[in-house]
Amino acid sequence: MASGSDSFRSAHSAIAVERHATHTQVEDLYILPEFQNQGIGTAIILDIIEEAHQDCKPVRLRVLTSSPAKVLYERLGFVVVHIEPERYFMEYPYLKRIDQTSHAGV
């Protein structure tokens, strides 16, 4: 997929994603409080991960150190790769999958 950015807004959420040659960056993800803890953020992030992995790219994001969203990202497999006083920098790495069928009979 080409580099670029997308923004999306709905009645309950807003998201901005940038696609770079080396990674996909989640710039913003907002879910209105009354819609949080309903799986909306999880579904959005999983879709972004799936799309990025089709392009063999990791997914990166930043989250405020005071944000409870860090727990969600960790639950989904993101790891902290850098810490600053106000932010965690997190990444969901692209892990190349080995085709198990190509090793059959070895």
N, C-alpha and C. Protein backbone atom coordinates (compact mmCIF):
# COMPACT_ATOMS: atom_id res chain seq x y z
N MET A 1 0.84 -1.18 0.00
CA MET A 1 0.00 0.00 0.00
C MET A 1 0.89 1.24 0.00
N ALA A 2 0.46 2.24 -0.65
CA ALA A 2 1.22 3.48 -0.76
C ALA A 2 1.18 4.23 0.56
N SER A 3 2.16 5.10 0.73
CA SER A 3 2.17 5.95 1.92
C SER A 3 1.02 6.93 1.82
N GLY A 4 0.51 7.31 2.98
CA GLY A 4 -0.59 8.26 3.00
C GLY A 4 -1.21 8.30 4.36
N SER A 5 -2.31 9.02 4.46
CA SER A 5 -3.00 9.10 5.74
C SER A 5 -4.49 9.08 5.52
N ASP A 6 -5.18 8.61 6.54
CA ASP A 6 -6.63 8.55 6.51
C ASP A 6 -7.17 9.07 7.83
N SER A 7 -8.31 9.70 7.77
CA SER A 7 -9.04 10.11 8.96
C SER A 7 -10.46 9.60 8.83
N PHE A 8 -11.04 9.25 9.95
CA PHE A 8 -12.40 8.73 9.95
C PHE A 8 -13.09 9.20 11.21
N ARG A 9 -14.32 9.63 11.06
CA ARG A 9 -15.14 10.03 12.21
C ARG A 9 -16.49 9.35 12.10
N SER A 10 -16.98 8.96 13.25
CA SER A 10 -18.34 8.43 13.31
C SER A 10 -19.03 9.07 14.51
N ALA A 11 -20.23 8.61 14.82
CA ALA A 11 -20.97 9.18 15.95
C ALA A 11 -20.30 8.88 17.28
N HIS A 12 -19.42 7.88 17.32
CA HIS A 12 -18.82 7.48 18.59
C HIS A 12 -17.30 7.49 18.61
N SER A 13 -16.64 7.71 17.45
CA SER A 13 -15.18 7.63 17.42
C SER A 13 -14.58 8.49 16.32
N ALA A 14 -13.28 8.73 16.47
CA ALA A 14 -12.50 9.42 15.44
C ALA A 14 -11.11 8.79 15.43
N ILE A 15 -10.56 8.63 14.23
CA ILE A 15 -9.25 8.01 14.11
C ILE A 15 -8.47 8.66 12.98
N ALA A 16 -7.15 8.74 13.16
CA ALA A 16 -6.25 9.23 12.11
C ALA A 16 -5.08 8.25 12.04
N VAL A 17 -4.81 7.76 10.84
CA VAL A 17 -3.76 6.77 10.61
C VAL A 17 -2.86 7.26 9.48
N GLU A 18 -1.56 7.16 9.69
CA GLU A 18 -0.58 7.49 8.64
C GLU A 18 0.12 6.21 8.21
N ARG A 19 0.24 6.03 6.91
CA ARG A 19 0.93 4.86 6.36
C ARG A 19 2.27 5.32 5.79
N HIS A 20 3.34 4.79 6.36
CA HIS A 20 4.69 5.12 5.94
C HIS A 20 5.29 3.90 5.25
N ALA A 21 6.41 4.09 4.58
CA ALA A 21 7.08 2.97 3.91
C ALA A 21 7.53 1.91 4.91
N THR A 22 7.84 2.32 6.14
CA THR A 22 8.38 1.38 7.13
C THR A 22 7.40 0.92 8.20
N HIS A 23 6.28 1.62 8.36
CA HIS A 23 5.34 1.28 9.42
C HIS A 23 4.00 2.00 9.20
N THR A 24 3.01 1.58 9.97
CA THR A 24 1.73 2.27 10.02
C THR A 24 1.64 2.94 11.38
N GLN A 25 1.31 4.23 11.39
CA GLN A 25 1.27 5.02 12.62
C GLN A 25 -0.16 5.40 12.94
N VAL A 26 -0.63 5.01 14.12
CA VAL A 26 -1.93 5.47 14.60
C VAL A 26 -1.67 6.81 15.28
N GLU A 27 -2.13 7.87 14.67
CA GLU A 27 -1.89 9.22 15.19
C GLU A 27 -2.92 9.58 16.27
N ASP A 28 -4.16 9.28 16.02
CA ASP A 28 -5.23 9.62 16.96
C ASP A 28 -6.27 8.52 16.96
N LEU A 29 -6.78 8.20 18.13
CA LEU A 29 -7.92 7.29 18.27
C LEU A 29 -8.71 7.77 19.47
N TYR A 30 -9.91 8.24 19.22
CA TYR A 30 -10.78 8.73 20.27
C TYR A 30 -12.10 7.99 20.22
N ILE A 31 -12.51 7.48 21.37
CA ILE A 31 -13.81 6.85 21.52
C ILE A 31 -14.54 7.65 22.60
N LEU A 32 -15.74 8.12 22.30
CA LEU A 32 -16.50 8.86 23.30
C LEU A 32 -16.67 8.01 24.56
N PRO A 33 -16.60 8.63 25.72
CA PRO A 33 -16.65 7.87 26.98
C PRO A 33 -17.84 6.91 27.08
N GLU A 34 -18.99 7.32 26.62
CA GLU A 34 -20.17 6.45 26.74
C GLU A 34 -20.11 5.23 25.82
N PHE A 35 -19.13 5.20 24.89
CA PHE A 35 -18.97 4.07 23.98
C PHE A 35 -17.70 3.26 24.29
N GLN A 36 -16.95 3.67 25.30
CA GLN A 36 -15.75 2.93 25.66
C GLN A 36 -16.12 1.62 26.36
N ASN A 37 -15.17 0.68 26.34
CA ASN A 37 -15.35 -0.65 26.97
C ASN A 37 -16.46 -1.46 26.31
N GLN A 38 -16.66 -1.24 25.01
CA GLN A 38 -17.65 -2.00 24.25
C GLN A 38 -17.01 -2.73 23.08
N GLY A 39 -15.68 -2.71 22.99
CA GLY A 39 -14.98 -3.42 21.92
C GLY A 39 -14.74 -2.61 20.66
N ILE A 40 -15.16 -1.37 20.65
CA ILE A 40 -15.01 -0.54 19.45
C ILE A 40 -13.53 -0.26 19.18
N GLY A 41 -12.81 0.19 20.20
CA GLY A 41 -11.38 0.47 20.03
C GLY A 41 -10.60 -0.78 19.65
N THR A 42 -10.93 -1.91 20.27
CA THR A 42 -10.28 -3.18 19.94
C THR A 42 -10.49 -3.53 18.47
N ALA A 43 -11.73 -3.42 18.00
CA ALA A 43 -12.03 -3.75 16.60
C ALA A 43 -11.27 -2.84 15.64
N ILE A 44 -11.21 -1.56 15.96
CA ILE A 44 -10.50 -0.61 15.10
C ILE A 44 -9.01 -0.95 15.03
N ILE A 45 -8.40 -1.16 16.19
CA ILE A 45 -6.97 -1.47 16.23
C ILE A 45 -6.67 -2.79 15.54
N LEU A 46 -7.50 -3.81 15.75
CA LEU A 46 -7.26 -5.10 15.07
C LEU A 46 -7.35 -4.96 13.56
N ASP A 47 -8.26 -4.14 13.07
CA ASP A 47 -8.34 -3.90 11.62
C ASP A 47 -7.07 -3.22 11.10
N ILE A 48 -6.56 -2.26 11.87
CA ILE A 48 -5.33 -1.56 11.48
C ILE A 48 -4.15 -2.53 11.46
N ILE A 49 -4.05 -3.38 12.48
CA ILE A 49 -2.98 -4.38 12.53
C ILE A 49 -3.06 -5.31 11.33
N GLU A 50 -4.25 -5.80 11.03
CA GLU A 50 -4.41 -6.72 9.90
C GLU A 50 -3.99 -6.07 8.59
N GLU A 51 -4.41 -4.83 8.38
CA GLU A 51 -4.04 -4.12 7.15
C GLU A 51 -2.53 -3.90 7.07
N ALA A 52 -1.92 -3.48 8.17
CA ALA A 52 -0.47 -3.23 8.19
C ALA A 52 0.30 -4.52 7.93
N HIS A 53 -0.15 -5.61 8.50
CA HIS A 53 0.56 -6.88 8.33
C HIS A 53 0.42 -7.43 6.92
N GLN A 54 -0.63 -7.07 6.22
CA GLN A 54 -0.73 -7.44 4.80
C GLN A 54 0.37 -6.77 4.02
N ASP A 55 0.83 -5.62 4.49
CA ASP A 55 1.93 -4.88 3.86
C ASP A 55 3.27 -5.15 4.54
N CYS A 56 3.29 -6.14 5.46
CA CYS A 56 4.52 -6.53 6.19
C CYS A 56 5.10 -5.37 7.01
N LYS A 57 4.23 -4.62 7.68
CA LYS A 57 4.67 -3.46 8.46
C LYS A 57 4.22 -3.57 9.91
N PRO A 58 5.02 -3.04 10.84
CA PRO A 58 4.56 -2.94 12.22
C PRO A 58 3.58 -1.76 12.37
N VAL A 59 2.87 -1.75 13.49
CA VAL A 59 1.96 -0.65 13.81
C VAL A 59 2.54 0.08 15.02
N ARG A 60 2.61 1.39 14.93
CA ARG A 60 3.15 2.20 16.02
C ARG A 60 2.10 3.20 16.48
N LEU A 61 2.20 3.57 17.76
CA LEU A 61 1.32 4.59 18.32
C LEU A 61 1.97 5.20 19.55
N ARG A 62 1.40 6.31 19.98
CA ARG A 62 1.81 7.00 21.20
C ARG A 62 0.59 7.09 22.10
N VAL A 63 0.82 6.95 23.41
CA VAL A 63 -0.28 7.08 24.35
C VAL A 63 0.23 7.83 25.57
N LEU A 64 -0.60 8.72 26.10
CA LEU A 64 -0.23 9.47 27.29
C LEU A 64 -0.01 8.52 28.46
N THR A 65 0.97 8.84 29.29
CA THR A 65 1.26 7.97 30.44
C THR A 65 0.07 7.89 31.39
N SER A 66 -0.80 8.88 31.37
CA SER A 66 -1.97 8.90 32.24
C SER A 66 -3.18 8.18 31.63
N SER A 67 -3.07 7.71 30.41
CA SER A 67 -4.21 7.13 29.70
C SER A 67 -4.43 5.65 30.05
N PRO A 68 -5.67 5.30 30.36
CA PRO A 68 -5.97 3.88 30.60
C PRO A 68 -5.92 3.04 29.31
N ALA A 69 -5.83 3.70 28.15
CA ALA A 69 -5.79 2.97 26.87
C ALA A 69 -4.53 2.11 26.74
N LYS A 70 -3.48 2.43 27.49
CA LYS A 70 -2.25 1.64 27.44
C LYS A 70 -2.54 0.17 27.74
N VAL A 71 -3.43 -0.08 28.67
CA VAL A 71 -3.80 -1.46 29.04
C VAL A 71 -4.41 -2.18 27.83
N LEU A 72 -5.26 -1.50 27.09
CA LEU A 72 -5.85 -2.08 25.89
C LEU A 72 -4.77 -2.44 24.89
N TYR A 73 -3.87 -1.53 24.62
CA TYR A 73 -2.82 -1.77 23.64
C TYR A 73 -1.92 -2.93 24.06
N GLU A 74 -1.59 -3.00 25.34
CA GLU A 74 -0.78 -4.13 25.82
C GLU A 74 -1.53 -5.45 25.70
N ARG A 75 -2.81 -5.43 26.00
CA ARG A 75 -3.63 -6.65 25.87
C ARG A 75 -3.65 -7.14 24.42
N LEU A 76 -3.60 -6.20 23.48
CA LEU A 76 -3.62 -6.57 22.06
C LEU A 76 -2.24 -6.97 21.53
N GLY A 77 -1.19 -6.81 22.35
CA GLY A 77 0.14 -7.25 21.93
C GLY A 77 1.14 -6.15 21.66
N PHE A 78 0.76 -4.90 21.86
CA PHE A 78 1.71 -3.80 21.70
C PHE A 78 2.71 -3.83 22.85
N VAL A 79 3.94 -3.42 22.56
CA VAL A 79 4.97 -3.31 23.59
C VAL A 79 5.52 -1.89 23.61
N VAL A 80 5.93 -1.45 24.79
CA VAL A 80 6.53 -0.13 24.93
C VAL A 80 7.95 -0.20 24.39
N VAL A 81 8.25 0.69 23.45
CA VAL A 81 9.60 0.72 22.86
C VAL A 81 10.38 1.96 23.28
N HIS A 82 9.67 2.94 23.84
CA HIS A 82 10.33 4.17 24.29
C HIS A 82 9.40 4.87 25.27
N ILE A 83 9.99 5.50 26.28
CA ILE A 83 9.19 6.24 27.27
C ILE A 83 9.73 7.65 27.38
N GLU A 84 8.80 8.60 27.36
CA GLU A 84 9.10 9.99 27.67
C GLU A 84 8.22 10.38 28.86
N PRO A 85 8.52 11.48 29.52
CA PRO A 85 7.76 11.82 30.73
C PRO A 85 6.24 11.81 30.56
N GLU A 86 5.75 12.19 29.40
CA GLU A 86 4.30 12.27 29.21
C GLU A 86 3.73 11.19 28.30
N ARG A 87 4.59 10.41 27.63
CA ARG A 87 4.07 9.47 26.63
C ARG A 87 4.82 8.15 26.63
N TYR A 88 4.07 7.10 26.29
CA TYR A 88 4.64 5.81 25.94
C TYR A 88 4.59 5.70 24.42
N PHE A 89 5.67 5.23 23.84
CA PHE A 89 5.71 4.93 22.41
C PHE A 89 5.62 3.42 22.31
N MET A 90 4.61 2.94 21.59
CA MET A 90 4.34 1.51 21.56
C MET A 90 4.35 0.99 20.13
N GLU A 91 4.61 -0.31 20.00
CA GLU A 91 4.66 -0.92 18.68
C GLU A 91 4.09 -2.33 18.74
N TYR A 92 3.35 -2.66 17.70
CA TYR A 92 2.92 -4.03 17.46
C TYR A 92 3.78 -4.51 16.30
N PRO A 93 4.76 -5.37 16.59
CA PRO A 93 5.73 -5.73 15.54
C PRO A 93 5.11 -6.62 14.46
N TYR A 94 5.66 -6.48 13.28
CA TYR A 94 5.31 -7.42 12.21
C TYR A 94 6.19 -8.63 12.38
N LEU A 95 5.58 -9.78 12.54
CA LEU A 95 6.31 -11.03 12.69
C LEU A 95 6.04 -11.88 11.46
N LYS A 96 7.06 -12.10 10.68
CA LYS A 96 6.91 -12.90 9.48
C LYS A 96 6.52 -14.32 9.88
N ARG A 97 5.46 -14.79 9.30
CA ARG A 97 4.97 -16.13 9.63
C ARG A 97 5.61 -17.15 8.72
N ILE A 98 6.01 -18.24 9.33
CA ILE A 98 6.60 -19.34 8.55
C ILE A 98 5.47 -20.24 8.06
N ASP A 99 5.49 -20.51 6.79
CA ASP A 99 4.48 -21.40 6.20
C ASP A 99 4.80 -22.82 6.62
N GLN A 100 4.02 -23.36 7.55
CA GLN A 100 4.27 -24.70 8.08
C GLN A 100 4.10 -25.79 7.02
N THR A 101 3.26 -25.56 6.03
CA THR A 101 3.03 -26.61 5.02
C THR A 101 4.24 -26.81 4.14
N SER A 102 5.10 -25.80 4.01
CA SER A 102 6.27 -25.95 3.14
C SER A 102 7.35 -26.81 3.79
N HIS A 103 7.19 -27.10 5.09
CA HIS A 103 8.16 -27.92 5.80
C HIS A 103 7.64 -29.34 6.05
N ALA A 104 6.52 -29.68 5.46
CA ALA A 104 5.94 -31.00 5.67
C ALA A 104 6.89 -32.07 5.14
N GLY A 105 7.03 -33.12 5.92
CA GLY A 105 7.85 -34.24 5.50
C GLY A 105 9.32 -34.04 5.73
N VAL A 106 9.70 -32.96 6.39
CA VAL A 106 11.13 -32.69 6.63
C VAL A 106 11.57 -33.42 7.87
